[in-house]
C-alpha atoms as a PDB file:
ATOM      1  CA  UNK A   1       0.155  -0.250   0.087  1.00  0.00           C
ATOM      2  CA  UNK A   2       2.919   2.267   0.679  1.00  0.00           C
ATOM      3  CA  UNK A   3       3.839   2.117  -3.090  1.00  0.00           C
ATOM      4  CA  UNK A   4       0.803   4.217  -3.799  1.00  0.00           C
ATOM      5  CA  UNK A   5       1.477   6.920  -1.430  1.00  0.00           C
ATOM      6  CA  UNK A   6       2.761  10.625  -2.640  1.00  0.00           C
ATOM      7  CA  UNK A   7       4.530  13.340  -0.869  1.00  0.00           C
ATOM      8  CA  UNK A   8       4.424  17.120  -1.709  1.00  0.00           C
ATOM      9  CA  UNK A   9       4.654  20.454  -0.150  1.00  0.00           C
ATOM     10  CA  UNK A  10       1.778  22.498   0.724  1.00  0.00           C
ATOM     11  CA  UNK A  11       1.142  25.748  -0.979  1.00  0.00           C
ATOM     12  CA  UNK A  12      -0.181  27.438   2.000  1.00  0.00           C
ATOM     13  CA  UNK A  13       2.606  27.052   4.778  1.00  0.00           C
ATOM     14  CA  UNK A  14       5.317  24.587   2.919  1.00  0.00           C
ATOM     15  CA  UNK A  15       4.875  21.576   5.147  1.00  0.00           C
ATOM     16  CA  UNK A  16       4.881  18.258   3.662  1.00  0.00           C
ATOM     17  CA  UNK A  17       1.872  16.041   3.327  1.00  0.00           C
ATOM     18  CA  UNK A  18       2.002  12.434   2.333  1.00  0.00           C
ATOM     19  CA  UNK A  19      -1.049  10.988   1.175  1.00  0.00           C
ATOM     20  CA  UNK A  20      -3.052  10.297  -2.131  1.00  0.00           C
ATOM     21  CA  UNK A  21      -2.690  12.195  -5.159  1.00  0.00           C
ATOM     22  CA  UNK A  22      -5.281  14.129  -7.278  1.00  0.00           C
ATOM     23  CA  UNK A  23      -5.309  16.863  -9.961  1.00  0.00           C
ATOM     24  CA  UNK A  24      -8.311  19.161 -10.594  1.00  0.00           C
ATOM     25  CA  UNK A  25      -8.655  22.202 -12.795  1.00  0.00           C
ATOM     26  CA  UNK A  26      -4.990  22.484 -12.930  1.00  0.00           C
ATOM     27  CA  UNK A  27      -4.415  22.181  -9.269  1.00  0.00           C
ATOM     28  CA  UNK A  28      -2.525  19.404  -7.378  1.00  0.00           C
ATOM     29  CA  UNK A  29      -3.774  18.142  -4.105  1.00  0.00           C
ATOM     30  CA  UNK A  30      -2.794  15.443  -1.747  1.00  0.00           C
ATOM     31  CA  UNK A  31      -5.088  13.879   0.982  1.00  0.00           C
ATOM     32  CA  UNK A  32      -3.329  13.708   4.056  1.00  0.00           C
ATOM     33  CA  UNK A  33      -3.251  10.139   5.748  1.00  0.00           C
ATOM     34  CA  UNK A  34      -3.300   9.842   9.593  1.00  0.00           C
ATOM     35  CA  UNK A  35      -0.326   8.289  10.561  1.00  0.00           C
ATOM     36  CA  UNK A  36       1.213   7.721   6.966  1.00  0.00           C
ATOM     37  CA  UNK A  37       4.771   8.166   8.132  1.00  0.00           C
ATOM     38  CA  UNK A  38       6.404   7.886  11.383  1.00  0.00           C
ATOM     39  CA  UNK A  39       3.380   8.330  13.402  1.00  0.00           C
ATOM     40  CA  UNK A  40       2.595  11.860  12.076  1.00  0.00           C
ATOM     41  CA  UNK A  41      -0.793  13.304  12.442  1.00  0.00           C
ATOM     42  CA  UNK A  42      -2.079  15.682   9.683  1.00  0.00           C
ATOM     43  CA  UNK A  43      -3.444  18.963  10.102  1.00  0.00           C
ATOM     44  CA  UNK A  44      -7.141  19.511   9.809  1.00  0.00           C
ATOM     45  CA  UNK A  45      -7.718  19.569   5.796  1.00  0.00           C
ATOM     46  CA  UNK A  46      -9.660  21.734   3.568  1.00  0.00           C
ATOM     47  CA  UNK A  47     -12.895  20.472   1.784  1.00  0.00           C
ATOM     48  CA  UNK A  48     -12.724  20.212  -1.812  1.00  0.00           C
ATOM     49  CA  UNK A  49     -16.024  20.540  -3.491  1.00  0.00           C
ATOM     50  CA  UNK A  50     -15.181  17.291  -5.884  1.00  0.00           C
ATOM     51  CA  UNK A  51     -12.134  15.846  -6.641  1.00  0.00           C
ATOM     52  CA  UNK A  52     -12.438  12.840  -8.593  1.00  0.00           C
ATOM     53  CA  UNK A  53     -15.786  11.822  -6.782  1.00  0.00           C
ATOM     54  CA  UNK A  54     -14.266  12.572  -3.273  1.00  0.00           C
ATOM     55  CA  UNK A  55     -16.250  15.264  -1.395  1.00  0.00           C
ATOM     56  CA  UNK A  56     -14.597  15.138   1.906  1.00  0.00           C
ATOM     57  CA  UNK A  57     -11.302  14.552   3.671  1.00  0.00           C
ATOM     58  CA  UNK A  58      -8.022  16.139   4.470  1.00  0.00           C
ATOM     59  CA  UNK A  59      -7.143  17.527   1.020  1.00  0.00           C
ATOM     60  CA  UNK A  60      -4.297  20.081   0.810  1.00  0.00           C
ATOM     61  CA  UNK A  61      -3.222  22.099  -2.537  1.00  0.00           C
ATOM     62  CA  UNK A  62       0.441  21.259  -2.819  1.00  0.00           C
ATOM     63  CA  UNK A  63       3.267  22.467  -5.324  1.00  0.00           C
ATOM     64  CA  UNK A  64       3.027  19.939  -8.135  1.00  0.00           C
ATOM     65  CA  UNK A  65       7.096  20.480  -8.479  1.00  0.00           C
ATOM     66  CA  UNK A  66       7.545  18.730  -5.089  1.00  0.00           C
ATOM     67  CA  UNK A  67       5.479  15.540  -5.770  1.00  0.00           C
ATOM     68  CA  UNK A  68       7.220  12.392  -5.275  1.00  0.00           C
ATOM     69  CA  UNK A  69       5.923   8.609  -5.084  1.00  0.00           C
ATOM     70  CA  UNK A  70       6.815   6.396  -2.333  1.00  0.00           C
ATOM     71  CA  UNK A  71       9.069   3.648  -3.363  1.00  0.00           C
ATOM     72  CA  UNK A  72       7.448   1.042  -0.694  1.00  0.00           C
ATOM     73  CA  UNK A  73      10.821   0.672   0.776  1.00  0.00           C
ATOM     74  CA  UNK A  74      12.214   1.898   4.153  1.00  0.00           C
ATOM     75  CA  UNK A  75      15.689   3.043   4.991  1.00  0.00           C
ATOM     76  CA  UNK A  76      17.844   1.604   7.700  1.00  0.00           C
ATOM     77  CA  UNK A  77      16.031   3.773  10.085  1.00  0.00           C
ATOM     78  CA  UNK A  78      12.523   2.699   8.910  1.00  0.00           C
ATOM     79  CA  UNK A  79      11.665   5.944   7.207  1.00  0.00           C
ATOM     80  CA  UNK A  80       9.867   5.621   3.934  1.00  0.00           C
ATOM     81  CA  UNK A  81      12.001   6.398   0.849  1.00  0.00           C
ATOM     82  CA  UNK A  82      10.442   8.811  -1.683  1.00  0.00           C
ATOM     83  CA  UNK A  83      11.159   9.878  -5.174  1.00  0.00           C
ATOM     84  CA  UNK A  84      13.712  13.097  -4.598  1.00  0.00           C
ATOM     85  CA  UNK A  85      15.195  11.541  -1.499  1.00  0.00           C
ATOM     86  CA  UNK A  86      18.985  12.008  -1.183  1.00  0.00           C
ATOM     87  CA  UNK A  87      20.389   9.003   0.491  1.00  0.00           C
ATOM     88  CA  UNK A  88      23.763   7.681   1.741  1.00  0.00           C
ATOM     89  CA  UNK A  89      24.855   4.198   0.890  1.00  0.00           C
ATOM     90  CA  UNK A  90      27.672   1.942   1.702  1.00  0.00           C
ATOM     91  CA  UNK A  91      29.882   2.468   4.650  1.00  0.00           C
ATOM     92  CA  UNK A  92      30.788   6.187   4.264  1.00  0.00           C
ATOM     93  CA  UNK A  93      29.294   9.272   4.181  1.00  0.00           C
ATOM     94  CA  UNK A  94      31.146  11.084   1.351  1.00  0.00           C
ATOM     95  CA  UNK A  95      29.386  12.700  -1.695  1.00  0.00           C
ATOM     96  CA  UNK A  96      30.471   9.806  -4.138  1.00  0.00           C
ATOM     97  CA  UNK A  97      28.542   7.765  -1.546  1.00  0.00           C
ATOM     98  CA  UNK A  98      25.205   9.877  -2.055  1.00  0.00           C
ATOM     99  CA  UNK A  99      22.437   9.280  -4.291  1.00  0.00           C
ATOM    100  CA  UNK A 100      19.068  10.908  -5.609  1.00  0.00           C
ATOM    101  CA  UNK A 101      15.912   8.495  -5.828  1.00  0.00           C
ATOM    102  CA  UNK A 102      14.366   8.928  -9.276  1.00  0.00           C
ATOM    103  CA  UNK A 103      11.844   6.882 -11.378  1.00  0.00           C
ATOM    104  CA  UNK A 104      13.816   5.651 -14.512  1.00  0.00           C
ATOM    105  CA  UNK A 105      12.462   5.019 -18.013  1.00  0.00           C
ATOM    106  CA  UNK A 106      12.033   1.366 -17.142  1.00  0.00           C
ATOM    107  CA  UNK A 107       9.364   1.888 -14.618  1.00  0.00           C
ATOM    108  CA  UNK A 108      11.614   1.364 -11.552  1.00  0.00           C
ATOM    109  CA  UNK A 109      13.102   3.394  -8.517  1.00  0.00           C
ATOM    110  CA  UNK A 110      16.872   3.865  -8.755  1.00  0.00           C
ATOM    111  CA  UNK A 111      19.597   6.121  -7.032  1.00  0.00           C
ATOM    112  CA  UNK A 112      21.914   7.972  -8.953  1.00  0.00           C
ATOM    113  CA  UNK A 113      25.006   9.036  -7.615  1.00  0.00           C
ATOM    114  CA  UNK A 114      27.415  12.032  -8.609  1.00  0.00           C
ATOM    115  CA  UNK A 115      29.196   9.739 -11.217  1.00  0.00           C
ATOM    116  CA  UNK A 116      26.037   8.627 -12.682  1.00  0.00           C
ATOM    117  CA  UNK A 117      26.312   5.292 -11.076  1.00  0.00           C
ATOM    118  CA  UNK A 118      23.068   3.411 -10.461  1.00  0.00           C
ATOM    119  CA  UNK A 119      22.391   2.335  -6.928  1.00  0.00           C
ATOM    120  CA  UNK A 120      19.752  -0.314  -6.958  1.00  0.00           C
ATOM    121  CA  UNK A 121      17.828   0.673  -3.586  1.00  0.00           C
ATOM    122  CA  UNK A 122      15.245  -2.180  -4.004  1.00  0.00           C
ATOM    123  CA  UNK A 123      17.582  -4.802  -3.508  1.00  0.00           C
ATOM    124  CA  UNK A 124      19.121  -3.827  -0.365  1.00  0.00           C
ATOM    125  CA  UNK A 125      17.277  -0.818   1.023  1.00  0.00           C
ATOM    126  CA  UNK A 126      18.638  -1.477   4.819  1.00  0.00           C
ATOM    127  CA  UNK A 127      21.807  -0.385   3.624  1.00  0.00           C
ATOM    128  CA  UNK A 128      20.645   3.224   2.729  1.00  0.00           C
ATOM    129  CA  UNK A 129      20.067   6.159   4.903  1.00  0.00           C
ATOM    130  CA  UNK A 130      17.647   8.918   3.860  1.00  0.00           C
ATOM    131  CA  UNK A 131      19.572  12.151   4.852  1.00  0.00           C
ATOM    132  CA  UNK A 132      17.417  14.818   3.075  1.00  0.00           C
ATOM    133  CA  UNK A 133      15.431  15.652  -0.119  1.00  0.00           C
ATOM    134  CA  UNK A 134      16.225  17.631  -3.221  1.00  0.00           C
ATOM    135  CA  UNK A 135      13.666  20.387  -2.355  1.00  0.00           C
ATOM    136  CA  UNK A 136      14.858  21.116   1.255  1.00  0.00           C
ATOM    137  CA  UNK A 137      18.290  20.222   1.237  1.00  0.00           C
ATOM    138  CA  UNK A 138      19.944  21.534  -2.208  1.00  0.00           C
ATOM    139  CA  UNK A 139      23.205  21.919  -0.250  1.00  0.00           C
ATOM    140  CA  UNK A 140      23.700  18.249   0.096  1.00  0.00           C
ATOM    141  CA  UNK A 141      23.406  17.513  -3.642  1.00  0.00           C
ATOM    142  CA  UNK A 142      26.755  18.901  -4.903  1.00  0.00           C
ATOM    143  CA  UNK A 143      27.753  16.931  -7.810  1.00  0.00           C
ATOM    144  CA  UNK A 144      24.688  14.366  -7.549  1.00  0.00           C
ATOM    145  CA  UNK A 145      22.101  15.009 -10.389  1.00  0.00           C
ATOM    146  CA  UNK A 146      18.418  15.275  -9.289  1.00  0.00           C
END
């Protein structure tokens, strides 16, 4: 079920929302799920008159550029891994052991490092640690390509 979750930043306050994705009249919304990640509780949402047949719920307008799909995997600390996350892999913490999660053209989530090396996070996610994301932590990117 985690695989169909999305994350995006709210337009009104810049906070992250995790939930289900919908678009309506050119706007992007996420329906916040109670306790979707790490036991977090969503704030009270707004009521959207009609989004894909849903009339009530915790729907928040979000910045479309920040939307990232959940990979369905957890890192070594049990944190859900999303598209756009920056993670460390291997034993060290240098920039050559850092990668960004992307959805590739072959319909799979991969990490791409600064040397364009592919890191297969789905093989052993226990060996990766999420340290940020491409929206909030641009200083971590260095040579890593988002």
